[in-house]
Amino acid sequence: NYTNEKLQQHFNAHTFKLEEEVYKREQIKFDHIPFIDNQPILDLIEKGGTSILRILDEEVVMPKGSDASFLQKMHNAHQKSKYYKKDVHYGPMTFVLTHYAGIVVYETSGFLEKNRDTLSEDLLKVVWSSKMSLLSRLFPKDSDALSNRKESLGKQFSRQLDALMMELNKTAPHYIRCVKPNENKAPLQFVPRLCHEQLRYSGVFEAVKIRKAGL
């Protein structure tokens, strides 16, 4: 979902923001086309000391950090955000984010352990005893894996995603929107409401309007 938000922002930038800049530069008369800018949800996920990823990383290194304490800090930090919601209806360990494509419920049980992305000592010893050359290259014994804390999974993913976006920003993109015709992914089933929601949330209708305005 984090990746989808980044890609949608890339789509927004090239389809709406940069397109309007071209119209202004070429003095083409047009009416501003309102569109859903998902930058606020990206800020909620990755920007600043109270972002989801930052709170998660900080909780990982806290002596008494837990999934429950992480969730409570999230509630405290984002209780006024219209993109974040605490709703016990979904369960005591959940929070809800309003993504550009709709709401998503997140179950936080196991969040901290997944974010640590570390192998247990016993598993490392088993890997080190392997005679496979690939494993010995991936997990060398002199890596201090038992004493040094690795970069969190959230940081790794965010860094890799930023690198991907830097590469995409160097290109002249063209977009193909894939629409799922039904929830079951079954052949010969077309659900108009589902298709309409996907087109609406992804900004396709607004993209058509702004392209028509520039003709």
N, C-alpha and C. Protein backbone atom coordinates (compact mmCIF):
# COMPACT_ATOMS: atom_id res chain seq x y z
N ASN A 1 0.83 -1.21 0.00
CA ASN A 1 0.00 0.00 0.00
C ASN A 1 0.86 1.26 0.00
N TYR A 2 1.96 1.21 0.71
CA TYR A 2 2.92 2.33 0.72
C TYR A 2 3.46 2.55 -0.70
N THR A 3 3.81 1.47 -1.37
CA THR A 3 4.29 1.57 -2.75
C THR A 3 3.22 2.11 -3.67
N ASN A 4 2.00 1.64 -3.50
CA ASN A 4 0.89 2.13 -4.33
C ASN A 4 0.69 3.62 -4.15
N GLU A 5 0.84 4.11 -2.92
CA GLU A 5 0.70 5.53 -2.67
C GLU A 5 1.80 6.32 -3.39
N LYS A 6 3.02 5.81 -3.36
CA LYS A 6 4.13 6.47 -4.04
C LYS A 6 3.89 6.52 -5.55
N LEU A 7 3.44 5.40 -6.11
CA LEU A 7 3.19 5.35 -7.55
C LEU A 7 2.03 6.25 -7.94
N GLN A 8 1.02 6.33 -7.08
CA GLN A 8 -0.11 7.22 -7.37
C GLN A 8 0.33 8.68 -7.34
N GLN A 9 1.25 9.03 -6.43
CA GLN A 9 1.75 10.39 -6.38
C GLN A 9 2.56 10.71 -7.63
N HIS A 10 3.29 9.72 -8.13
CA HIS A 10 4.04 9.87 -9.38
C HIS A 10 3.07 10.12 -10.53
N PHE A 11 1.97 9.38 -10.55
CA PHE A 11 0.93 9.56 -11.56
C PHE A 11 0.31 10.96 -11.44
N ASN A 12 0.01 11.37 -10.22
CA ASN A 12 -0.58 12.70 -10.00
C ASN A 12 0.35 13.81 -10.50
N ALA A 13 1.64 13.66 -10.17
CA ALA A 13 2.60 14.70 -10.53
C ALA A 13 2.69 14.87 -12.04
N HIS A 14 2.74 13.77 -12.76
CA HIS A 14 2.91 13.85 -14.21
C HIS A 14 1.61 14.11 -14.95
N THR A 15 0.51 13.63 -14.39
CA THR A 15 -0.77 13.77 -15.09
C THR A 15 -1.46 15.09 -14.79
N PHE A 16 -1.30 15.60 -13.58
CA PHE A 16 -2.00 16.81 -13.19
C PHE A 16 -1.05 18.00 -12.99
N LYS A 17 -0.13 17.87 -12.05
CA LYS A 17 0.70 19.00 -11.67
C LYS A 17 1.60 19.47 -12.82
N LEU A 18 2.35 18.55 -13.40
CA LEU A 18 3.25 18.94 -14.49
C LEU A 18 2.48 19.30 -15.75
N GLU A 19 1.33 18.65 -15.96
CA GLU A 19 0.52 18.96 -17.13
C GLU A 19 0.01 20.40 -17.07
N GLU A 20 -0.45 20.82 -15.89
CA GLU A 20 -0.93 22.19 -15.73
C GLU A 20 0.20 23.19 -15.90
N GLU A 21 1.41 22.83 -15.45
CA GLU A 21 2.55 23.72 -15.65
C GLU A 21 2.84 23.93 -17.14
N VAL A 22 2.67 22.87 -17.93
CA VAL A 22 2.87 22.99 -19.38
C VAL A 22 1.82 23.93 -19.98
N TYR A 23 0.57 23.79 -19.57
CA TYR A 23 -0.50 24.64 -20.09
C TYR A 23 -0.24 26.11 -19.76
N LYS A 24 0.22 26.36 -18.53
CA LYS A 24 0.51 27.73 -18.12
C LYS A 24 1.68 28.30 -18.92
N ARG A 25 2.71 27.48 -19.10
CA ARG A 25 3.89 27.93 -19.82
C ARG A 25 3.56 28.23 -21.29
N GLU A 26 2.66 27.45 -21.88
CA GLU A 26 2.28 27.64 -23.27
C GLU A 26 1.05 28.53 -23.42
N GLN A 27 0.59 29.09 -22.26
CA GLN A 27 -0.53 30.02 -22.23
C GLN A 27 -1.80 29.42 -22.84
N ILE A 28 -2.04 28.17 -22.49
CA ILE A 28 -3.27 27.49 -22.89
C ILE A 28 -4.33 27.76 -21.84
N LYS A 29 -5.47 28.25 -22.23
CA LYS A 29 -6.55 28.53 -21.29
C LYS A 29 -7.20 27.21 -20.86
N PHE A 30 -7.34 27.06 -19.55
CA PHE A 30 -7.97 25.84 -19.04
C PHE A 30 -8.49 26.12 -17.64
N ASP A 31 -9.45 25.34 -17.22
CA ASP A 31 -9.97 25.40 -15.86
C ASP A 31 -9.27 24.34 -15.01
N HIS A 32 -8.87 24.74 -13.81
CA HIS A 32 -8.20 23.78 -12.92
C HIS A 32 -9.11 22.58 -12.67
N ILE A 33 -8.55 21.38 -12.81
CA ILE A 33 -9.30 20.15 -12.58
C ILE A 33 -8.97 19.64 -11.18
N PRO A 34 -9.95 19.67 -10.26
CA PRO A 34 -9.68 19.15 -8.91
C PRO A 34 -9.35 17.66 -8.97
N PHE A 35 -8.37 17.23 -8.19
CA PHE A 35 -8.02 15.82 -8.14
C PHE A 35 -7.60 15.47 -6.72
N ILE A 36 -7.63 14.18 -6.42
CA ILE A 36 -7.27 13.72 -5.08
C ILE A 36 -5.75 13.67 -4.97
N ASP A 37 -5.19 14.58 -4.18
CA ASP A 37 -3.74 14.61 -3.96
C ASP A 37 -3.44 13.76 -2.73
N ASN A 38 -2.72 12.68 -2.92
CA ASN A 38 -2.47 11.76 -1.81
C ASN A 38 -1.18 12.05 -1.04
N GLN A 39 -0.61 13.24 -1.25
CA GLN A 39 0.60 13.59 -0.51
C GLN A 39 0.41 13.55 1.01
N PRO A 40 -0.75 13.99 1.54
CA PRO A 40 -0.93 13.92 3.00
C PRO A 40 -0.82 12.51 3.57
N ILE A 41 -1.32 11.51 2.85
CA ILE A 41 -1.21 10.14 3.38
C ILE A 41 0.23 9.66 3.31
N LEU A 42 0.98 10.10 2.29
CA LEU A 42 2.41 9.77 2.24
C LEU A 42 3.16 10.41 3.39
N ASP A 43 2.82 11.67 3.70
CA ASP A 43 3.44 12.34 4.85
C ASP A 43 3.15 11.58 6.14
N LEU A 44 1.93 11.10 6.26
CA LEU A 44 1.54 10.34 7.45
C LEU A 44 2.38 9.08 7.60
N ILE A 45 2.69 8.45 6.49
CA ILE A 45 3.44 7.19 6.52
C ILE A 45 4.94 7.42 6.74
N GLU A 46 5.52 8.45 6.10
CA GLU A 46 6.98 8.51 6.04
C GLU A 46 7.63 9.80 6.50
N LYS A 47 6.88 10.89 6.69
CA LYS A 47 7.52 12.19 6.92
C LYS A 47 7.46 12.60 8.38
N GLY A 48 8.62 12.97 8.92
CA GLY A 48 8.66 13.58 10.26
C GLY A 48 8.73 12.57 11.39
N GLY A 49 8.91 13.10 12.59
CA GLY A 49 9.10 12.28 13.77
C GLY A 49 7.88 11.51 14.21
N THR A 50 6.68 11.91 13.77
CA THR A 50 5.47 11.20 14.17
C THR A 50 4.91 10.34 13.04
N SER A 51 5.67 10.14 11.98
CA SER A 51 5.20 9.29 10.89
C SER A 51 5.11 7.84 11.37
N ILE A 52 4.34 7.06 10.66
CA ILE A 52 4.15 5.66 11.04
C ILE A 52 5.47 4.91 11.07
N LEU A 53 6.29 5.08 10.03
CA LEU A 53 7.55 4.36 9.97
C LEU A 53 8.52 4.81 11.06
N ARG A 54 8.53 6.11 11.38
CA ARG A 54 9.43 6.61 12.42
C ARG A 54 9.02 6.09 13.80
N ILE A 55 7.73 6.13 14.09
CA ILE A 55 7.26 5.61 15.38
C ILE A 55 7.57 4.12 15.50
N LEU A 56 7.39 3.39 14.40
CA LEU A 56 7.67 1.95 14.41
C LEU A 56 9.14 1.68 14.67
N ASP A 57 10.04 2.43 14.02
CA ASP A 57 11.47 2.24 14.22
C ASP A 57 11.89 2.59 15.65
N GLU A 58 11.31 3.64 16.19
CA GLU A 58 11.65 4.03 17.55
C GLU A 58 11.17 2.99 18.56
N GLU A 59 10.01 2.43 18.31
CA GLU A 59 9.46 1.45 19.25
C GLU A 59 10.26 0.15 19.24
N VAL A 60 10.87 -0.16 18.11
CA VAL A 60 11.68 -1.38 18.00
C VAL A 60 12.86 -1.34 18.97
N VAL A 61 13.47 -0.17 19.17
CA VAL A 61 14.66 -0.08 20.02
C VAL A 61 14.33 0.27 21.47
N MET A 62 13.07 0.52 21.78
CA MET A 62 12.69 0.81 23.16
C MET A 62 12.78 -0.46 24.00
N PRO A 63 13.32 -0.36 25.24
CA PRO A 63 13.48 -1.56 26.08
C PRO A 63 12.17 -2.32 26.30
N LYS A 64 11.08 -1.59 26.49
CA LYS A 64 9.79 -2.24 26.73
C LYS A 64 8.82 -2.02 25.57
N GLY A 65 9.39 -1.81 24.39
CA GLY A 65 8.55 -1.59 23.23
C GLY A 65 7.72 -2.82 22.89
N SER A 66 6.50 -2.59 22.48
CA SER A 66 5.60 -3.69 22.13
C SER A 66 4.64 -3.23 21.05
N ASP A 67 3.94 -4.17 20.46
CA ASP A 67 2.95 -3.82 19.45
C ASP A 67 1.86 -2.93 20.04
N ALA A 68 1.49 -3.22 21.29
CA ALA A 68 0.45 -2.43 21.95
C ALA A 68 0.90 -1.00 22.21
N SER A 69 2.14 -0.83 22.66
CA SER A 69 2.64 0.53 22.92
C SER A 69 2.83 1.29 21.62
N PHE A 70 3.24 0.59 20.56
CA PHE A 70 3.34 1.21 19.24
C PHE A 70 1.98 1.73 18.79
N LEU A 71 0.97 0.90 18.94
CA LEU A 71 -0.38 1.28 18.52
C LEU A 71 -0.89 2.48 19.32
N GLN A 72 -0.62 2.50 20.64
CA GLN A 72 -1.08 3.61 21.46
C GLN A 72 -0.40 4.92 21.06
N LYS A 73 0.89 4.85 20.74
CA LYS A 73 1.60 6.06 20.29
C LYS A 73 1.04 6.54 18.95
N MET A 74 0.63 5.61 18.11
CA MET A 74 0.02 5.97 16.84
C MET A 74 -1.30 6.70 17.08
N HIS A 75 -2.10 6.15 17.98
CA HIS A 75 -3.39 6.79 18.31
C HIS A 75 -3.16 8.21 18.82
N ASN A 76 -2.18 8.37 19.69
CA ASN A 76 -1.92 9.68 20.28
C ASN A 76 -1.41 10.68 19.23
N ALA A 77 -0.56 10.21 18.34
CA ALA A 77 0.07 11.11 17.37
C ALA A 77 -0.87 11.53 16.25
N HIS A 78 -1.80 10.66 15.88
CA HIS A 78 -2.60 10.91 14.67
C HIS A 78 -4.10 10.98 14.91
N GLN A 79 -4.48 11.23 16.16
CA GLN A 79 -5.90 11.24 16.48
C GLN A 79 -6.67 12.35 15.75
N LYS A 80 -5.97 13.40 15.32
CA LYS A 80 -6.64 14.50 14.63
C LYS A 80 -6.53 14.38 13.10
N SER A 81 -5.83 13.38 12.63
CA SER A 81 -5.67 13.21 11.18
C SER A 81 -6.92 12.61 10.57
N LYS A 82 -7.36 13.16 9.45
CA LYS A 82 -8.55 12.62 8.79
C LYS A 82 -8.22 11.36 7.99
N TYR A 83 -6.93 11.03 7.90
CA TYR A 83 -6.53 9.83 7.16
C TYR A 83 -6.26 8.65 8.07
N TYR A 84 -6.27 8.90 9.37
CA TYR A 84 -6.00 7.86 10.36
C TYR A 84 -7.22 7.71 11.26
N LYS A 85 -7.52 6.46 11.61
CA LYS A 85 -8.71 6.23 12.43
C LYS A 85 -8.48 5.08 13.39
N LYS A 86 -8.89 5.30 14.62
CA LYS A 86 -8.93 4.23 15.63
C LYS A 86 -10.36 3.70 15.67
N ASP A 87 -10.52 2.44 15.38
CA ASP A 87 -11.86 1.86 15.35
C ASP A 87 -11.80 0.46 15.95
N VAL A 88 -12.22 0.34 17.21
CA VAL A 88 -12.15 -0.95 17.91
C VAL A 88 -13.10 -1.97 17.32
N HIS A 89 -13.98 -1.53 16.44
CA HIS A 89 -14.89 -2.45 15.77
C HIS A 89 -14.11 -3.51 14.99
N TYR A 90 -12.93 -3.13 14.50
CA TYR A 90 -12.12 -4.06 13.72
C TYR A 90 -11.21 -4.91 14.60
N GLY A 91 -11.13 -4.59 15.88
CA GLY A 91 -10.28 -5.34 16.80
C GLY A 91 -9.42 -4.41 17.64
N PRO A 92 -8.98 -4.86 18.82
CA PRO A 92 -8.23 -3.99 19.74
C PRO A 92 -6.83 -3.63 19.27
N MET A 93 -6.28 -4.37 18.32
CA MET A 93 -4.90 -4.13 17.87
C MET A 93 -4.87 -3.60 16.44
N THR A 94 -5.87 -2.85 16.05
CA THR A 94 -5.96 -2.38 14.67
C THR A 94 -5.98 -0.86 14.57
N PHE A 95 -5.59 -0.37 13.41
CA PHE A 95 -5.82 1.02 13.04
C PHE A 95 -6.23 1.04 11.58
N VAL A 96 -6.83 2.15 11.16
CA VAL A 96 -7.38 2.26 9.81
C VAL A 96 -6.74 3.45 9.11
N LEU A 97 -6.28 3.25 7.88
CA LEU A 97 -5.78 4.33 7.05
C LEU A 97 -6.69 4.52 5.85
N THR A 98 -6.96 5.78 5.52
CA THR A 98 -7.74 6.09 4.33
C THR A 98 -6.79 6.35 3.18
N HIS A 99 -6.52 5.30 2.42
CA HIS A 99 -5.66 5.43 1.25
C HIS A 99 -6.43 6.06 0.10
N TYR A 100 -5.73 6.45 -0.95
CA TYR A 100 -6.41 7.08 -2.09
C TYR A 100 -7.42 6.12 -2.72
N ALA A 101 -7.18 4.82 -2.59
CA ALA A 101 -8.08 3.83 -3.19
C ALA A 101 -9.10 3.28 -2.20
N GLY A 102 -9.18 3.86 -1.00
CA GLY A 102 -10.16 3.39 -0.02
C GLY A 102 -9.51 3.08 1.31
N ILE A 103 -10.32 2.68 2.27
CA ILE A 103 -9.81 2.42 3.62
C ILE A 103 -9.17 1.03 3.70
N VAL A 104 -8.14 0.93 4.54
CA VAL A 104 -7.46 -0.34 4.78
C VAL A 104 -7.29 -0.50 6.28
N VAL A 105 -7.64 -1.67 6.79
CA VAL A 105 -7.49 -1.98 8.22
C VAL A 105 -6.18 -2.72 8.43
N TYR A 106 -5.37 -2.25 9.38
CA TYR A 106 -4.08 -2.87 9.66
C TYR A 106 -4.10 -3.53 11.04
N GLU A 107 -3.72 -4.78 11.10
CA GLU A 107 -3.60 -5.53 12.35
C GLU A 107 -2.14 -5.44 12.80
N THR A 108 -1.90 -4.83 13.96
CA THR A 108 -0.52 -4.52 14.37
C THR A 108 0.18 -5.64 15.12
N SER A 109 -0.49 -6.73 15.38
CA SER A 109 0.17 -7.84 16.08
C SER A 109 1.34 -8.35 15.23
N GLY A 110 2.54 -8.34 15.79
CA GLY A 110 3.71 -8.80 15.08
C GLY A 110 4.44 -7.73 14.29
N PHE A 111 3.94 -6.48 14.35
CA PHE A 111 4.58 -5.38 13.60
C PHE A 111 6.04 -5.20 13.99
N LEU A 112 6.33 -5.17 15.29
CA LEU A 112 7.69 -4.89 15.74
C LEU A 112 8.64 -6.00 15.33
N GLU A 113 8.21 -7.24 15.48
CA GLU A 113 9.08 -8.36 15.14
C GLU A 113 9.38 -8.39 13.64
N LYS A 114 8.39 -8.10 12.83
CA LYS A 114 8.61 -8.05 11.38
C LYS A 114 9.54 -6.90 11.01
N ASN A 115 9.42 -5.78 11.70
CA ASN A 115 10.24 -4.62 11.37
C ASN A 115 11.70 -4.84 11.78
N ARG A 116 11.93 -5.66 12.80
CA ARG A 116 13.32 -5.95 13.20
C ARG A 116 14.04 -6.72 12.09
N ASP A 117 13.32 -7.62 11.46
CA ASP A 117 13.87 -8.37 10.33
C ASP A 117 15.20 -9.02 10.69
N THR A 118 15.23 -9.69 11.83
CA THR A 118 16.47 -10.33 12.29
C THR A 118 16.27 -11.84 12.40
N LEU A 119 17.35 -12.57 12.21
CA LEU A 119 17.34 -14.01 12.39
C LEU A 119 17.69 -14.34 13.84
N SER A 120 17.07 -15.39 14.37
CA SER A 120 17.39 -15.81 15.73
C SER A 120 18.80 -16.38 15.79
N GLU A 121 19.38 -16.41 16.98
CA GLU A 121 20.74 -16.91 17.15
C GLU A 121 20.85 -18.36 16.71
N ASP A 122 19.85 -19.16 17.07
CA ASP A 122 19.89 -20.58 16.71
C ASP A 122 19.85 -20.76 15.19
N LEU A 123 19.01 -19.97 14.54
CA LEU A 123 18.90 -20.09 13.09
C LEU A 123 20.20 -19.65 12.41
N LEU A 124 20.82 -18.60 12.93
CA LEU A 124 22.10 -18.16 12.37
C LEU A 124 23.17 -19.25 12.48
N LYS A 125 23.19 -19.93 13.62
CA LYS A 125 24.18 -21.00 13.81
C LYS A 125 23.94 -22.14 12.83
N VAL A 126 22.67 -22.44 12.57
CA VAL A 126 22.34 -23.48 11.59
C VAL A 126 22.80 -23.06 10.20
N VAL A 127 22.55 -21.80 9.84
CA VAL A 127 22.97 -21.29 8.54
C VAL A 127 24.48 -21.33 8.40
N TRP A 128 25.19 -20.93 9.47
CA TRP A 128 26.65 -20.90 9.43
C TRP A 128 27.26 -22.30 9.29
N SER A 129 26.54 -23.29 9.77
CA SER A 129 27.07 -24.66 9.67
C SER A 129 26.79 -25.30 8.32
N SER A 130 26.04 -24.62 7.48
CA SER A 130 25.72 -25.15 6.16
C SER A 130 26.95 -25.18 5.26
N LYS A 131 27.02 -26.17 4.38
CA LYS A 131 28.12 -26.29 3.45
C LYS A 131 27.78 -25.63 2.10
N MET A 132 26.62 -25.01 1.99
CA MET A 132 26.23 -24.33 0.75
C MET A 132 26.99 -23.02 0.63
N SER A 133 27.66 -22.82 -0.47
CA SER A 133 28.47 -21.62 -0.66
C SER A 133 27.61 -20.35 -0.69
N LEU A 134 26.38 -20.46 -1.20
CA LEU A 134 25.50 -19.30 -1.27
C LEU A 134 25.19 -18.78 0.13
N LEU A 135 24.85 -19.69 1.05
CA LEU A 135 24.53 -19.27 2.41
C LEU A 135 25.75 -18.68 3.11
N SER A 136 26.91 -19.23 2.87
CA SER A 136 28.11 -18.69 3.51
C SER A 136 28.43 -17.29 3.01
N ARG A 137 28.07 -16.99 1.77
CA ARG A 137 28.28 -15.64 1.24
C ARG A 137 27.23 -14.65 1.78
N LEU A 138 26.01 -15.14 1.92
CA LEU A 138 24.94 -14.26 2.41
C LEU A 138 25.08 -13.97 3.90
N PHE A 139 25.57 -14.97 4.67
CA PHE A 139 25.66 -14.81 6.13
C PHE A 139 27.06 -15.17 6.61
N PRO A 140 28.05 -14.34 6.30
CA PRO A 140 29.42 -14.63 6.74
C PRO A 140 29.54 -14.56 8.26
N LYS A 141 30.36 -15.39 8.83
CA LYS A 141 30.49 -15.46 10.29
C LYS A 141 31.09 -14.20 10.89
N ASP A 142 31.83 -13.44 10.12
CA ASP A 142 32.46 -12.24 10.65
C ASP A 142 31.56 -11.01 10.49
N SER A 143 30.26 -11.23 10.27
CA SER A 143 29.36 -10.11 10.04
C SER A 143 28.85 -9.48 11.33
N ASP A 144 29.23 -10.07 12.49
CA ASP A 144 28.75 -9.56 13.80
C ASP A 144 27.23 -9.53 13.84
N ALA A 145 26.62 -10.51 13.22
CA ALA A 145 25.16 -10.52 13.12
C ALA A 145 24.50 -10.69 14.48
N LEU A 146 25.23 -11.28 15.44
CA LEU A 146 24.63 -11.51 16.75
C LEU A 146 24.72 -10.28 17.65
N SER A 147 25.58 -9.36 17.31
CA SER A 147 25.78 -8.21 18.21
C SER A 147 25.28 -6.90 17.61
N ASN A 148 25.34 -6.74 16.29
CA ASN A 148 24.93 -5.48 15.68
C ASN A 148 23.46 -5.50 15.27
N ARG A 149 22.76 -4.42 15.53
CA ARG A 149 21.35 -4.33 15.13
C ARG A 149 21.28 -3.93 13.66
N LYS A 150 20.55 -4.71 12.90
CA LYS A 150 20.42 -4.44 11.47
C LYS A 150 19.51 -3.24 11.23
N GLU A 151 19.63 -2.72 10.04
CA GLU A 151 18.69 -1.70 9.60
C GLU A 151 17.30 -2.30 9.57
N SER A 152 16.31 -1.57 10.07
CA SER A 152 14.96 -2.11 10.15
C SER A 152 14.41 -2.38 8.76
N LEU A 153 13.42 -3.25 8.72
CA LEU A 153 12.79 -3.59 7.45
C LEU A 153 12.11 -2.35 6.84
N GLY A 154 11.52 -1.51 7.72
CA GLY A 154 10.88 -0.29 7.23
C GLY A 154 11.87 0.64 6.55
N LYS A 155 13.06 0.80 7.15
CA LYS A 155 14.09 1.66 6.56
C LYS A 155 14.59 1.09 5.24
N GLN A 156 14.80 -0.23 5.22
CA GLN A 156 15.25 -0.87 3.98
C GLN A 156 14.25 -0.64 2.86
N PHE A 157 12.99 -0.89 3.17
CA PHE A 157 11.95 -0.77 2.15
C PHE A 157 11.81 0.67 1.67
N SER A 158 11.84 1.62 2.60
CA SER A 158 11.71 3.02 2.25
C SER A 158 12.88 3.48 1.38
N ARG A 159 14.07 3.04 1.73
CA ARG A 159 15.25 3.41 0.94
C ARG A 159 15.18 2.84 -0.47
N GLN A 160 14.77 1.58 -0.59
CA GLN A 160 14.65 0.95 -1.90
C GLN A 160 13.54 1.61 -2.73
N LEU A 161 12.45 1.99 -2.06
CA LEU A 161 11.35 2.64 -2.76
C LEU A 161 11.76 4.02 -3.26
N ASP A 162 12.53 4.75 -2.45
CA ASP A 162 13.02 6.06 -2.89
C ASP A 162 13.93 5.92 -4.10
N ALA A 163 14.76 4.87 -4.10
CA ALA A 163 15.64 4.64 -5.25
C ALA A 163 14.83 4.34 -6.50
N LEU A 164 13.77 3.56 -6.34
CA LEU A 164 12.90 3.26 -7.48
C LEU A 164 12.24 4.53 -8.02
N MET A 165 11.76 5.39 -7.12
CA MET A 165 11.09 6.61 -7.56
C MET A 165 12.07 7.55 -8.25
N MET A 166 13.32 7.58 -7.79
CA MET A 166 14.33 8.41 -8.45
C MET A 166 14.54 7.96 -9.89
N GLU A 167 14.55 6.65 -10.10
CA GLU A 167 14.69 6.13 -11.46
C GLU A 167 13.47 6.46 -12.30
N LEU A 168 12.28 6.32 -11.73
CA LEU A 168 11.06 6.62 -12.47
C LEU A 168 10.97 8.10 -12.84
N ASN A 169 11.47 8.96 -11.95
CA ASN A 169 11.41 10.40 -12.21
C ASN A 169 12.35 10.84 -13.33
N LYS A 170 13.27 9.96 -13.72
CA LYS A 170 14.16 10.28 -14.83
C LYS A 170 13.53 9.94 -16.18
N THR A 171 12.38 9.29 -16.15
CA THR A 171 11.77 8.79 -17.38
C THR A 171 10.64 9.71 -17.86
N ALA A 172 10.15 9.44 -19.07
CA ALA A 172 8.95 10.08 -19.60
C ALA A 172 7.85 9.03 -19.55
N PRO A 173 7.09 8.99 -18.47
CA PRO A 173 6.21 7.84 -18.23
C PRO A 173 4.94 7.83 -19.08
N HIS A 174 4.46 6.63 -19.35
CA HIS A 174 3.14 6.38 -19.92
C HIS A 174 2.46 5.38 -18.99
N TYR A 175 1.16 5.51 -18.84
CA TYR A 175 0.46 4.72 -17.83
C TYR A 175 -0.57 3.80 -18.47
N ILE A 176 -0.64 2.60 -17.94
CA ILE A 176 -1.70 1.65 -18.28
C ILE A 176 -2.40 1.29 -16.98
N ARG A 177 -3.68 1.59 -16.90
CA ARG A 177 -4.45 1.30 -15.71
C ARG A 177 -5.14 -0.05 -15.87
N CYS A 178 -4.85 -0.96 -14.96
CA CYS A 178 -5.49 -2.27 -14.96
C CYS A 178 -6.68 -2.24 -14.01
N VAL A 179 -7.84 -2.64 -14.48
CA VAL A 179 -9.06 -2.62 -13.68
C VAL A 179 -9.50 -4.05 -13.41
N LYS A 180 -9.72 -4.36 -12.14
CA LYS A 180 -10.17 -5.70 -11.76
C LYS A 180 -11.69 -5.78 -11.95
N PRO A 181 -12.18 -6.65 -12.83
CA PRO A 181 -13.62 -6.66 -13.15
C PRO A 181 -14.50 -7.24 -12.05
N ASN A 182 -13.92 -8.07 -11.17
CA ASN A 182 -14.70 -8.65 -10.06
C ASN A 182 -13.76 -9.05 -8.95
N GLU A 183 -14.28 -9.19 -7.75
CA GLU A 183 -13.45 -9.50 -6.58
C GLU A 183 -12.85 -10.90 -6.64
N ASN A 184 -13.51 -11.80 -7.34
CA ASN A 184 -13.06 -13.19 -7.39
C ASN A 184 -12.05 -13.46 -8.50
N LYS A 185 -11.78 -12.42 -9.32
CA LYS A 185 -10.87 -12.58 -10.46
C LYS A 185 -11.32 -13.72 -11.37
N ALA A 186 -12.61 -13.85 -11.49
CA ALA A 186 -13.20 -14.91 -12.30
C ALA A 186 -13.45 -14.41 -13.72
N PRO A 187 -13.41 -15.28 -14.72
CA PRO A 187 -13.66 -14.86 -16.10
C PRO A 187 -15.14 -14.57 -16.35
N LEU A 188 -15.39 -13.68 -17.30
CA LEU A 188 -16.74 -13.38 -17.78
C LEU A 188 -17.66 -12.84 -16.69
N GLN A 189 -17.08 -12.18 -15.68
CA GLN A 189 -17.87 -11.52 -14.63
C GLN A 189 -17.48 -10.05 -14.56
N PHE A 190 -18.45 -9.18 -14.76
CA PHE A 190 -18.19 -7.75 -14.77
C PHE A 190 -19.08 -7.08 -13.74
N VAL A 191 -18.46 -6.42 -12.77
CA VAL A 191 -19.19 -5.73 -11.70
C VAL A 191 -19.00 -4.23 -11.91
N PRO A 192 -20.01 -3.55 -12.47
CA PRO A 192 -19.85 -2.12 -12.81
C PRO A 192 -19.43 -1.26 -11.63
N ARG A 193 -20.02 -1.49 -10.45
CA ARG A 193 -19.70 -0.66 -9.29
C ARG A 193 -18.22 -0.77 -8.93
N LEU A 194 -17.69 -1.97 -8.94
CA LEU A 194 -16.28 -2.19 -8.60
C LEU A 194 -15.37 -1.49 -9.60
N CYS A 195 -15.67 -1.61 -10.86
CA CYS A 195 -14.85 -0.98 -11.91
C CYS A 195 -14.92 0.54 -11.81
N HIS A 196 -16.13 1.07 -11.55
CA HIS A 196 -16.30 2.51 -11.43
C HIS A 196 -15.49 3.05 -10.25
N GLU A 197 -15.49 2.34 -9.13
CA GLU A 197 -14.74 2.78 -7.95
C GLU A 197 -13.24 2.83 -8.23
N GLN A 198 -12.72 1.83 -8.93
CA GLN A 198 -11.30 1.80 -9.25
C GLN A 198 -10.90 2.97 -10.16
N LEU A 199 -11.73 3.26 -11.14
CA LEU A 199 -11.45 4.37 -12.05
C LEU A 199 -11.53 5.70 -11.31
N ARG A 200 -12.51 5.81 -10.42
CA ARG A 200 -12.70 7.07 -9.69
C ARG A 200 -11.57 7.32 -8.71
N TYR A 201 -11.21 6.30 -7.92
CA TYR A 201 -10.17 6.47 -6.90
C TYR A 201 -8.80 6.69 -7.52
N SER A 202 -8.54 6.11 -8.69
CA SER A 202 -7.22 6.21 -9.29
C SER A 202 -7.02 7.50 -10.08
N GLY A 203 -8.06 8.33 -10.19
CA GLY A 203 -7.92 9.62 -10.86
C GLY A 203 -8.03 9.57 -12.37
N VAL A 204 -8.56 8.48 -12.91
CA VAL A 204 -8.65 8.35 -14.37
C VAL A 204 -9.60 9.38 -14.95
N PHE A 205 -10.75 9.60 -14.31
CA PHE A 205 -11.72 10.57 -14.84
C PHE A 205 -11.13 11.97 -14.88
N GLU A 206 -10.41 12.35 -13.82
CA GLU A 206 -9.79 13.68 -13.78
C GLU A 206 -8.68 13.78 -14.83
N ALA A 207 -7.95 12.67 -15.05
CA ALA A 207 -6.88 12.67 -16.05
C ALA A 207 -7.45 12.91 -17.45
N VAL A 208 -8.59 12.30 -17.73
CA VAL A 208 -9.25 12.51 -19.03
C VAL A 208 -9.68 13.96 -19.19
N LYS A 209 -10.21 14.54 -18.12
CA LYS A 209 -10.69 15.93 -18.17
C LYS A 209 -9.54 16.90 -18.47
N ILE A 210 -8.41 16.72 -17.76
CA ILE A 210 -7.32 17.67 -17.94
C ILE A 210 -6.67 17.51 -19.30
N ARG A 211 -6.64 16.30 -19.85
CA ARG A 211 -6.11 16.11 -21.19
C ARG A 211 -7.04 16.73 -22.24
N LYS A 212 -8.33 16.61 -22.02
CA LYS A 212 -9.29 17.24 -22.94
C LYS A 212 -9.19 18.74 -22.88
N ALA A 213 -8.92 19.26 -21.67
CA ALA A 213 -8.83 20.73 -21.52
C ALA A 213 -7.65 21.31 -22.30
N GLY A 214 -6.61 20.49 -22.52
CA GLY A 214 -5.43 20.98 -23.20
C GLY A 214 -5.45 20.79 -24.70
N LEU A 215 -6.51 20.19 -25.21
CA LEU A 215 -6.60 19.96 -26.66
C LEU A 215 -6.84 21.24 -27.42
